[in-house]
Amino acid sequence: MNMKNITRILSIIIITIVTMGSTSCRELALNGDLDAQWQVMTLDYPDGTQSAPGQYYYCFYRHTANLTTPGLYPITANLTYDGDDLTLEFPYVSSPTQLAPWGITVPDDATKPQEGWTIHYTVNHLSSKKLVMTTDLGITITCRKF
C-alpha cells in the first residue's frame, strides 16, 4: 500500500466519523430558551412579601421538569409548555407542601390530591439568561440561568 491509498482511506474514515456524529439521534431542546437549569432568585408573594430561597433549581428539558436542591433527590414533573403557558404535573408528590421552596403553594381550600399535583404558570419573561413566571396563585418566581 502506498501513501496515497493510506491517505485516502484515512480521509474516508474521518469523513464517516464526522458525518455519523453530526447526524446522530441526539434530541435537541424542544422548548427553546426554557430548556435549561434555572436557579430561583426571588419569590414575590401576592401579599407583597418576598423571599430568596437560596439553592433551589428548576431544570426543564423537553417534556420533563426536575425541581432540585443540594442534598435531596430531584422532584420530577411532566412538563407542558406552549408559549406563555407552562404546566407541571407531579405524579409522585403525595404532599404538595414539599414544593413550597420552589414557589409552589397550595390553596387554603385544597384537599390532599389522590394522584399527584398540577401547577400552572404564566411565563412573563423568558430570555437566554432570565426567566420570570407567575403561578396560578399569584406568586412571581424570578430565576437566572445557572
Protein backbone atom coordinates (compact mmCIF):
# COMPACT_ATOMS: atom_id res chain seq x y z
CA MET A 1 0.00 0.00 0.00
CA ASN A 2 1.35 3.35 -0.95
CA MET A 3 1.00 6.63 0.94
CA LYS A 4 -1.71 7.90 -1.41
CA ASN A 5 -4.01 4.95 -0.65
CA ILE A 6 -3.42 5.25 3.11
CA THR A 7 -4.30 8.97 2.98
CA ARG A 8 -7.46 8.22 1.00
CA ILE A 9 -8.57 5.52 3.47
CA LEU A 10 -7.90 7.78 6.47
CA SER A 11 -9.84 10.61 4.80
CA ILE A 12 -12.84 8.32 4.24
CA ILE A 13 -12.73 7.13 7.86
CA ILE A 14 -12.57 10.70 9.21
CA ILE A 15 -15.42 11.86 6.96
CA THR A 16 -17.53 8.87 8.04
CA ILE A 17 -16.94 9.57 11.74
CA VAL A 18 -17.74 13.28 11.38
CA THR A 19 -20.89 12.53 9.36
CA MET A 20 -22.13 9.95 11.85
CA GLY A 21 -21.51 12.32 14.76
CA SER A 22 -23.37 15.22 13.18
CA THR A 23 -26.40 13.14 12.17
CA SER A 24 -26.82 11.11 15.35
CA CYS A 25 -30.11 10.60 17.15
CA ARG A 26 -29.41 13.27 19.78
CA GLU A 27 -32.60 15.06 20.74
CA LEU A 28 -32.23 18.81 20.85
CA ALA A 29 -34.02 21.26 23.11
CA LEU A 30 -37.73 21.35 22.37
CA ASN A 31 -38.67 24.46 24.33
CA GLY A 32 -36.07 26.98 23.17
CA ASP A 33 -34.56 29.09 25.95
CA LEU A 34 -36.75 27.39 28.57
CA ASP A 35 -34.80 24.12 28.34
CA ALA A 36 -32.07 24.75 30.91
CA GLN A 37 -31.32 24.75 34.61
CA TRP A 38 -32.76 27.82 36.36
CA GLN A 39 -31.87 28.99 39.87
CA VAL A 40 -34.73 30.53 41.83
CA MET A 41 -33.55 34.01 42.84
CA THR A 42 -36.70 35.52 44.35
CA LEU A 43 -40.26 34.57 45.18
CA ASP A 44 -42.69 37.50 45.25
CA TYR A 45 -45.94 36.68 47.04
CA PRO A 46 -49.31 38.38 46.40
CA ASP A 47 -49.29 39.91 49.91
CA GLY A 48 -46.16 41.92 48.99
CA THR A 49 -43.60 39.79 50.80
CA GLN A 50 -40.51 38.49 49.06
CA SER A 51 -38.07 35.68 49.79
CA ALA A 52 -34.80 34.47 48.30
CA PRO A 53 -34.82 30.70 48.79
CA GLY A 54 -31.15 30.01 48.02
CA GLN A 55 -30.12 26.90 46.13
CA TYR A 56 -33.39 25.77 44.58
CA TYR A 57 -33.49 24.97 40.88
CA TYR A 58 -35.97 24.28 38.10
CA CYS A 59 -34.47 22.04 35.41
CA PHE A 60 -36.50 21.91 32.20
CA TYR A 61 -35.77 19.64 29.24
CA ARG A 62 -38.22 18.61 26.55
CA HIS A 63 -41.26 17.10 28.37
CA THR A 64 -39.69 16.79 31.81
CA ALA A 65 -39.01 19.12 34.73
CA ASN A 66 -36.96 18.41 37.84
CA LEU A 67 -37.03 20.51 40.98
CA THR A 68 -33.66 20.16 42.66
CA THR A 69 -31.69 21.35 45.66
CA PRO A 70 -28.40 20.02 47.04
CA GLY A 71 -28.79 17.03 49.33
CA LEU A 72 -32.27 15.96 48.18
CA TYR A 73 -33.45 13.75 45.38
CA PRO A 74 -35.00 15.65 42.45
CA ILE A 75 -38.75 16.01 42.33
CA THR A 76 -39.84 15.05 38.83
CA ALA A 77 -42.76 16.51 36.89
CA ASN A 78 -44.27 16.19 33.45
CA LEU A 79 -43.79 19.44 31.55
CA THR A 80 -46.22 21.02 29.11
CA TYR A 81 -45.05 24.28 27.56
CA ASP A 82 -46.86 26.34 24.95
CA GLY A 83 -45.59 29.89 24.56
CA ASP A 84 -46.63 31.75 27.70
CA ASP A 85 -48.35 28.77 29.36
CA LEU A 86 -46.37 26.27 31.38
CA THR A 87 -47.84 23.36 33.33
CA LEU A 88 -46.08 20.96 35.67
CA GLU A 89 -47.80 17.77 36.74
CA PHE A 90 -46.18 15.99 39.67
CA PRO A 91 -47.45 12.38 39.56
CA TYR A 92 -45.46 11.22 42.59
CA VAL A 93 -45.97 14.10 45.04
CA SER A 94 -48.05 12.97 47.99
CA SER A 95 -47.85 16.30 49.83
CA PRO A 96 -47.68 19.43 47.68
CA THR A 97 -46.41 21.44 50.66
CA GLN A 98 -42.94 19.98 49.96
CA LEU A 99 -42.89 22.13 46.79
CA ALA A 100 -43.11 25.45 48.69
CA PRO A 101 -39.37 26.35 48.42
CA TRP A 102 -39.85 26.50 44.63
CA GLY A 103 -42.79 28.91 44.94
CA ILE A 104 -45.47 26.26 44.55
CA THR A 105 -48.09 26.74 47.24
CA VAL A 106 -51.33 25.00 47.99
CA PRO A 107 -54.64 26.90 48.06
CA ASP A 108 -56.16 27.17 51.53
CA ASP A 109 -59.22 25.17 50.45
CA ALA A 110 -57.24 22.38 48.74
CA THR A 111 -57.61 18.82 49.84
CA LYS A 112 -54.87 16.24 49.62
CA PRO A 113 -54.57 15.15 45.98
CA GLN A 114 -55.11 11.48 45.32
CA GLU A 115 -52.85 11.21 42.30
CA GLY A 116 -50.15 13.86 42.17
CA TRP A 117 -50.34 17.62 41.93
CA THR A 118 -50.56 20.04 38.99
CA ILE A 119 -49.43 23.68 38.91
CA HIS A 120 -49.92 26.22 36.13
CA TYR A 121 -47.61 29.14 35.35
CA THR A 122 -47.73 32.16 33.08
CA VAL A 123 -44.31 32.93 31.61
CA ASN A 124 -43.90 36.71 31.95
CA HIS A 125 -40.34 36.93 30.62
CA LEU A 126 -38.01 34.40 29.04
CA SER A 127 -34.56 35.10 27.63
CA SER A 128 -31.33 33.15 27.43
CA LYS A 129 -30.39 34.42 30.92
CA LYS A 130 -33.60 35.19 32.83
CA LEU A 131 -36.97 33.53 33.48
CA VAL A 132 -39.89 35.21 35.25
CA MET A 133 -43.10 33.24 35.73
CA THR A 134 -46.22 33.59 37.84
CA THR A 135 -48.14 30.69 39.37
CA ASP A 136 -51.90 30.46 39.16
CA LEU A 137 -51.96 31.59 42.83
CA GLY A 138 -50.11 34.82 42.00
CA ILE A 139 -46.57 34.01 43.17
CA THR A 140 -43.97 35.51 40.84
CA ILE A 141 -40.83 33.42 40.53
CA THR A 142 -37.68 35.08 39.17
CA CYS A 143 -34.88 32.78 38.01
CA ARG A 144 -31.49 33.09 36.42
CA LYS A 145 -29.93 30.56 34.10
CA PHE A 146 -27.43 28.53 36.06
